[in-house]
């Protein structure tokens, strides 16, 4: 265990932190869930489901009246992960979310209040078990269905260098609200190294640079689902059918999966229960739960 010497302690006593400018730190959280968007008119079909994201309506300046991701400033001696959990609880009432960090946002001028650096987090919840309520500093909190379309704008390739520009069109819809935003991604490959930058071309009714954070959160969720897949279980209730689990994967990945292949892939991660769910117009279906041994081995 490291122990400071007397000389080091004396050095720290006289160290002047005011010599350096210091930013304020915040946590912003992109909370995703599977939403039931509308009931099907067909007797035997399940309600339509889509990926959703939680937004709060800002109750104060700057961007008063605009929609933003849940989040806020970190307290002194508070870990940023704890900040994210606290802000999520205070602003939305959610206290049971899976949460992980996926990016730091530090571009100068991103916040008109001053130099503010944000750690962004990805959170996943089961919508049916979540009762969202706006906190005291939020005007409202609402779930929005999210649709992000991708279009490659320009591709310039040389022998050792390439530049690819991609446009992301965001459409967020709630009961009587539609928010559209546009983000451009620039990827540069130079001597086998890649750099990525983003620019918000149109923020719509979204505050700050949250359109960019939403795009990057969406990409992070998609990548984690594609790489390992276990993250999708955090969108599910404690017990679920294999059909609903496959549907959640398909919603996040944006593609249809072959049922036999899917069930072989997830077989190690589920345990069949003795329970069966029945519903009007449907065959009885077995309920499954996570195999925790496979998750934490």
Protein backbone atom coordinates (compact mmCIF):
# COMPACT_ATOMS: atom_id res chain seq x y z
CA UNK A 1 0.00 0.00 0.00
CA UNK A 2 1.36 3.40 -1.01
CA UNK A 3 2.19 5.83 1.81
CA UNK A 4 2.98 9.48 1.22
CA UNK A 5 6.27 10.76 2.48
CA UNK A 6 6.59 13.84 4.67
CA UNK A 7 7.99 15.76 1.69
CA UNK A 8 5.03 14.79 -0.50
CA UNK A 9 2.54 15.90 2.16
CA UNK A 10 4.31 19.26 2.42
CA UNK A 11 4.23 19.61 -1.36
CA UNK A 12 0.47 18.98 -1.46
CA UNK A 13 -0.17 21.51 1.32
CA UNK A 14 1.38 24.25 -0.78
CA UNK A 15 -0.03 23.07 -4.13
CA UNK A 16 -2.23 25.75 -5.72
CA UNK A 17 -5.11 24.26 -7.75
CA UNK A 18 -6.31 27.73 -8.67
CA UNK A 19 -3.49 27.94 -11.22
CA UNK A 20 -5.61 25.79 -13.52
CA UNK A 21 -9.09 26.31 -14.89
CA UNK A 22 -11.44 23.56 -13.79
CA UNK A 23 -14.64 22.39 -15.50
CA UNK A 24 -17.90 21.44 -13.84
CA UNK A 25 -18.78 17.75 -14.21
CA UNK A 26 -22.19 16.38 -15.12
CA UNK A 27 -23.77 13.01 -15.85
CA UNK A 28 -26.31 12.55 -18.66
CA UNK A 29 -28.28 9.32 -18.93
CA UNK A 30 -29.87 7.82 -22.05
CA UNK A 31 -32.60 5.54 -20.65
CA UNK A 32 -33.99 2.98 -23.09
CA UNK A 33 -37.01 0.67 -22.78
CA UNK A 34 -39.30 -1.35 -25.03
CA UNK A 35 -42.56 0.58 -25.46
CA UNK A 36 -46.00 -0.71 -26.37
CA UNK A 37 -47.01 1.86 -29.00
CA UNK A 38 -50.49 0.72 -30.06
CA UNK A 39 -52.87 -2.21 -29.84
CA UNK A 40 -53.23 -4.37 -32.94
CA UNK A 41 -56.62 -4.52 -34.59
CA UNK A 42 -56.02 -8.20 -35.34
CA UNK A 43 -57.24 -10.53 -32.61
CA UNK A 44 -54.21 -12.82 -32.60
CA UNK A 45 -51.49 -10.19 -32.98
CA UNK A 46 -49.58 -8.66 -30.09
CA UNK A 47 -49.47 -4.87 -29.61
CA UNK A 48 -46.84 -3.09 -31.68
CA UNK A 49 -43.63 -2.46 -29.74
CA UNK A 50 -40.78 -0.05 -30.38
CA UNK A 51 -37.59 1.08 -28.74
CA UNK A 52 -38.19 4.08 -26.50
CA UNK A 53 -36.06 6.71 -24.77
CA UNK A 54 -36.87 8.79 -21.70
CA UNK A 55 -36.68 12.59 -21.89
CA UNK A 56 -37.40 15.36 -19.41
CA UNK A 57 -38.74 18.82 -20.20
CA UNK A 58 -36.44 21.49 -18.84
CA UNK A 59 -38.04 23.77 -16.29
CA UNK A 60 -35.33 26.43 -16.24
CA UNK A 61 -32.84 28.26 -18.46
CA UNK A 62 -30.86 27.53 -20.54
CA UNK A 63 -33.07 25.66 -23.03
CA UNK A 64 -36.17 26.19 -20.89
CA UNK A 65 -39.06 24.24 -22.40
CA UNK A 66 -36.76 21.99 -24.47
CA UNK A 67 -36.41 18.26 -23.96
CA UNK A 68 -33.25 16.73 -22.54
CA UNK A 69 -31.81 13.52 -21.22
CA UNK A 70 -32.05 13.05 -17.45
CA UNK A 71 -28.89 14.28 -15.74
CA UNK A 72 -27.22 16.92 -13.65
CA UNK A 73 -24.13 18.19 -11.87
CA UNK A 74 -21.87 15.97 -9.81
CA UNK A 75 -21.44 16.82 -6.15
CA UNK A 76 -18.03 17.18 -4.57
CA UNK A 77 -16.64 13.80 -3.48
CA UNK A 78 -19.32 12.01 -5.52
CA UNK A 79 -18.45 9.35 -8.09
CA UNK A 80 -19.97 10.13 -11.51
CA UNK A 81 -21.67 6.74 -11.59
CA UNK A 82 -23.37 7.66 -8.31
CA UNK A 83 -24.27 11.05 -9.80
CA UNK A 84 -26.03 9.30 -12.68
CA UNK A 85 -28.00 7.04 -10.34
CA UNK A 86 -28.96 9.96 -8.09
CA UNK A 87 -30.04 12.22 -10.95
CA UNK A 88 -32.05 9.42 -12.53
CA UNK A 89 -33.84 8.85 -9.24
CA UNK A 90 -34.42 12.56 -8.52
CA UNK A 91 -35.56 13.57 -12.02
CA UNK A 92 -37.58 10.50 -13.03
CA UNK A 93 -38.18 8.31 -9.98
CA UNK A 94 -36.23 5.42 -11.54
CA UNK A 95 -33.96 3.59 -9.12
CA UNK A 96 -33.61 0.10 -10.60
CA UNK A 97 -31.88 0.62 -13.95
CA UNK A 98 -28.92 -1.18 -15.49
CA UNK A 99 -26.39 1.59 -16.11
CA UNK A 100 -22.99 1.82 -17.82
CA UNK A 101 -20.87 4.68 -19.17
CA UNK A 102 -20.22 5.00 -22.90
CA UNK A 103 -18.68 8.39 -23.64
CA UNK A 104 -17.33 11.73 -22.47
CA UNK A 105 -18.62 14.96 -24.02
CA UNK A 106 -16.27 17.90 -23.61
CA UNK A 107 -16.46 20.06 -26.73
CA UNK A 108 -15.91 23.75 -25.86
CA UNK A 109 -19.15 25.72 -26.00
CA UNK A 110 -21.42 22.69 -25.60
CA UNK A 111 -23.14 24.41 -22.66
CA UNK A 112 -23.81 28.18 -22.61
CA UNK A 113 -23.39 28.26 -18.81
CA UNK A 114 -19.66 27.64 -19.02
CA UNK A 115 -17.03 24.91 -19.23
CA UNK A 116 -19.00 21.75 -18.52
CA UNK A 117 -17.84 18.20 -19.22
CA UNK A 118 -20.39 15.40 -19.22
CA UNK A 119 -19.98 11.67 -18.71
CA UNK A 120 -22.78 9.93 -20.62
CA UNK A 121 -24.42 6.73 -19.40
CA UNK A 122 -26.58 4.09 -21.03
CA UNK A 123 -29.45 2.80 -18.88
CA UNK A 124 -31.94 0.02 -19.60
CA UNK A 125 -35.23 -0.65 -17.80
CA UNK A 126 -38.34 -2.77 -18.05
CA UNK A 127 -41.00 -0.24 -19.01
CA UNK A 128 -43.80 -2.19 -17.30
CA UNK A 129 -42.02 -1.96 -13.94
CA UNK A 130 -41.12 1.72 -14.27
CA UNK A 131 -43.32 4.54 -13.02
CA UNK A 132 -41.81 7.75 -14.34
CA UNK A 133 -42.41 11.02 -12.51
CA UNK A 134 -40.80 14.40 -13.14
CA UNK A 135 -38.61 15.71 -10.33
CA UNK A 136 -38.84 19.18 -8.80
CA UNK A 137 -36.43 20.68 -11.34
CA UNK A 138 -38.09 19.06 -14.37
CA UNK A 139 -41.25 20.35 -16.04
CA UNK A 140 -42.28 16.93 -17.32
CA UNK A 141 -40.93 13.45 -18.05
CA UNK A 142 -42.10 11.32 -20.95
CA UNK A 143 -41.24 8.26 -22.99
CA UNK A 144 -40.61 8.81 -26.70
CA UNK A 145 -40.40 6.12 -29.36
CA UNK A 146 -37.08 6.48 -31.14
CA UNK A 147 -36.27 5.92 -34.79
CA UNK A 148 -32.83 6.73 -36.20
CA UNK A 149 -32.15 6.39 -39.91
CA UNK A 150 -28.63 6.42 -41.31
CA UNK A 151 -27.47 7.73 -44.69
CA UNK A 152 -23.91 7.85 -45.99
CA UNK A 153 -23.32 11.32 -47.45
CA UNK A 154 -19.77 11.19 -48.74
CA UNK A 155 -16.96 8.70 -49.01
CA UNK A 156 -13.50 9.86 -50.05
CA UNK A 157 -10.83 7.16 -50.19
CA UNK A 158 -7.12 7.56 -50.96
CA UNK A 159 -4.29 5.08 -50.68
CA UNK A 160 -3.64 5.54 -46.94
CA UNK A 161 -6.51 7.81 -45.96
CA UNK A 162 -10.30 7.78 -46.06
CA UNK A 163 -13.08 10.11 -44.93
CA UNK A 164 -16.68 8.98 -44.51
CA UNK A 165 -19.54 11.33 -43.64
CA UNK A 166 -22.81 9.86 -42.37
CA UNK A 167 -26.05 11.63 -41.53
CA UNK A 168 -28.31 10.39 -38.74
CA UNK A 169 -31.94 11.53 -38.83
CA UNK A 170 -33.59 11.24 -35.41
CA UNK A 171 -37.35 11.04 -34.96
CA UNK A 172 -38.73 10.97 -31.41
CA UNK A 173 -42.47 10.62 -30.87
CA UNK A 174 -44.61 10.82 -27.74
CA UNK A 175 -48.39 11.10 -27.42
CA UNK A 176 -48.72 14.53 -29.01
CA UNK A 177 -45.08 15.54 -29.50
CA UNK A 178 -42.71 14.90 -32.41
CA UNK A 179 -39.04 15.90 -32.23
CA UNK A 180 -36.78 15.73 -35.27
CA UNK A 181 -33.03 16.26 -35.15
CA UNK A 182 -30.05 15.69 -37.45
CA UNK A 183 -26.50 14.69 -36.52
CA UNK A 184 -23.54 14.29 -38.88
CA UNK A 185 -20.73 11.85 -38.17
CA UNK A 186 -17.28 12.19 -39.75
CA UNK A 187 -14.94 9.20 -39.64
CA UNK A 188 -11.36 9.68 -40.77
CA UNK A 189 -8.99 6.76 -41.34
CA UNK A 190 -5.37 7.86 -41.58
CA UNK A 191 -2.40 5.46 -41.51
CA UNK A 192 -4.56 2.72 -39.97
CA UNK A 193 -5.89 5.00 -37.22
CA UNK A 194 -9.52 6.06 -36.92
CA UNK A 195 -10.92 9.30 -35.51
CA UNK A 196 -14.63 10.09 -35.20
CA UNK A 197 -16.29 13.46 -34.70
CA UNK A 198 -19.92 14.58 -34.59
CA UNK A 199 -21.80 17.77 -35.41
CA UNK A 200 -25.40 18.54 -34.52
CA UNK A 201 -26.87 20.01 -37.72
CA UNK A 202 -30.37 20.44 -36.28
CA UNK A 203 -31.16 19.91 -32.60
CA UNK A 204 -34.92 20.37 -33.02
CA UNK A 205 -36.47 20.67 -29.57
CA UNK A 206 -33.55 18.89 -27.87
CA UNK A 207 -31.34 20.79 -25.42
CA UNK A 208 -27.55 21.17 -25.51
CA UNK A 209 -25.74 18.49 -27.57
CA UNK A 210 -28.17 15.79 -26.50
CA UNK A 211 -28.99 14.90 -30.11
CA UNK A 212 -25.38 13.72 -30.46
CA UNK A 213 -25.50 11.88 -27.13
CA UNK A 214 -28.69 10.09 -28.23
CA UNK A 215 -27.10 8.95 -31.51
CA UNK A 216 -24.00 7.66 -29.75
CA UNK A 217 -26.08 5.96 -27.04
CA UNK A 218 -28.17 4.28 -29.73
CA UNK A 219 -25.02 3.06 -31.50
CA UNK A 220 -23.54 1.83 -28.22
CA UNK A 221 -26.70 -0.13 -27.38
CA UNK A 222 -26.77 -1.66 -30.87
CA UNK A 223 -23.09 -2.66 -30.66
CA UNK A 224 -23.42 -4.26 -27.23
CA UNK A 225 -26.51 -6.16 -28.34
CA UNK A 226 -24.73 -7.34 -31.48
CA UNK A 227 -21.48 -8.31 -29.73
CA UNK A 228 -22.68 -10.16 -26.63
CA UNK A 229 -26.43 -9.72 -26.49
CA UNK A 230 -26.86 -10.21 -22.76
CA UNK A 231 -27.56 -6.51 -22.31
CA UNK A 232 -31.02 -7.03 -23.84
CA UNK A 233 -32.13 -8.98 -20.76
CA UNK A 234 -32.14 -5.68 -18.85
CA UNK A 235 -35.06 -4.56 -21.01
CA UNK A 236 -37.08 -7.59 -19.95
CA UNK A 237 -39.25 -8.38 -16.91
CA UNK A 238 -38.10 -11.00 -14.42
CA UNK A 239 -40.00 -13.70 -16.34
CA UNK A 240 -40.60 -13.63 -20.07
CA UNK A 241 -41.44 -15.73 -23.11
CA UNK A 242 -38.77 -16.59 -25.66
CA UNK A 243 -40.92 -14.86 -28.26
CA UNK A 244 -40.85 -11.55 -26.35
CA UNK A 245 -37.09 -11.88 -25.77
CA UNK A 246 -36.48 -12.44 -29.49
CA UNK A 247 -38.73 -9.49 -30.29
CA UNK A 248 -36.64 -7.25 -27.99
CA UNK A 249 -33.45 -8.32 -29.78
CA UNK A 250 -35.04 -7.61 -33.16
CA UNK A 251 -36.24 -4.16 -32.07
CA UNK A 252 -32.78 -3.14 -30.86
CA UNK A 253 -30.84 -4.68 -33.75
CA UNK A 254 -33.34 -3.53 -36.36
CA UNK A 255 -33.49 -6.88 -38.12
CA UNK A 256 -35.45 -10.12 -38.09
CA UNK A 257 -33.76 -13.15 -36.52
CA UNK A 258 -34.16 -16.81 -37.40
CA UNK A 259 -35.97 -18.37 -34.44
CA UNK A 260 -34.06 -21.72 -34.25
CA UNK A 261 -30.68 -19.95 -34.45
CA UNK A 262 -31.71 -17.34 -31.89
CA UNK A 263 -32.91 -19.93 -29.40
CA UNK A 264 -29.70 -21.93 -29.73
CA UNK A 265 -27.68 -18.77 -29.09
CA UNK A 266 -29.53 -17.70 -25.95
CA UNK A 267 -30.14 -21.21 -24.55
CA UNK A 268 -27.26 -20.99 -22.01
CA UNK A 269 -28.64 -17.72 -20.61
CA UNK A 270 -32.22 -18.76 -19.84
CA UNK A 271 -33.91 -21.20 -17.48
CA UNK A 272 -37.37 -22.57 -18.09
CA UNK A 273 -39.81 -22.00 -15.22
CA UNK A 274 -42.89 -24.05 -14.38
CA UNK A 275 -45.13 -21.10 -15.23
CA UNK A 276 -47.16 -20.60 -18.39
CA UNK A 277 -48.71 -17.41 -19.73
CA UNK A 278 -52.05 -17.48 -21.48
CA UNK A 279 -53.87 -14.73 -23.31
CA UNK A 280 -56.81 -14.16 -25.57
CA UNK A 281 -56.12 -15.45 -29.05
CA UNK A 282 -52.74 -16.98 -28.19
CA UNK A 283 -51.42 -20.42 -27.45
CA UNK A 284 -50.12 -20.89 -23.90
CA UNK A 285 -46.41 -20.01 -23.74
CA UNK A 286 -43.74 -21.08 -21.27
CA UNK A 287 -42.10 -18.44 -19.12
CA UNK A 288 -38.33 -18.26 -18.74
CA UNK A 289 -35.92 -16.32 -16.53
CA UNK A 290 -32.24 -15.44 -16.60
CA UNK A 291 -29.68 -18.10 -15.85
CA UNK A 292 -27.65 -16.01 -13.42
CA UNK A 293 -24.81 -18.55 -13.34
CA UNK A 294 -24.21 -17.94 -17.06
CA UNK A 295 -24.32 -14.17 -16.61
CA UNK A 296 -21.84 -13.94 -13.77
CA UNK A 297 -19.51 -16.86 -14.38
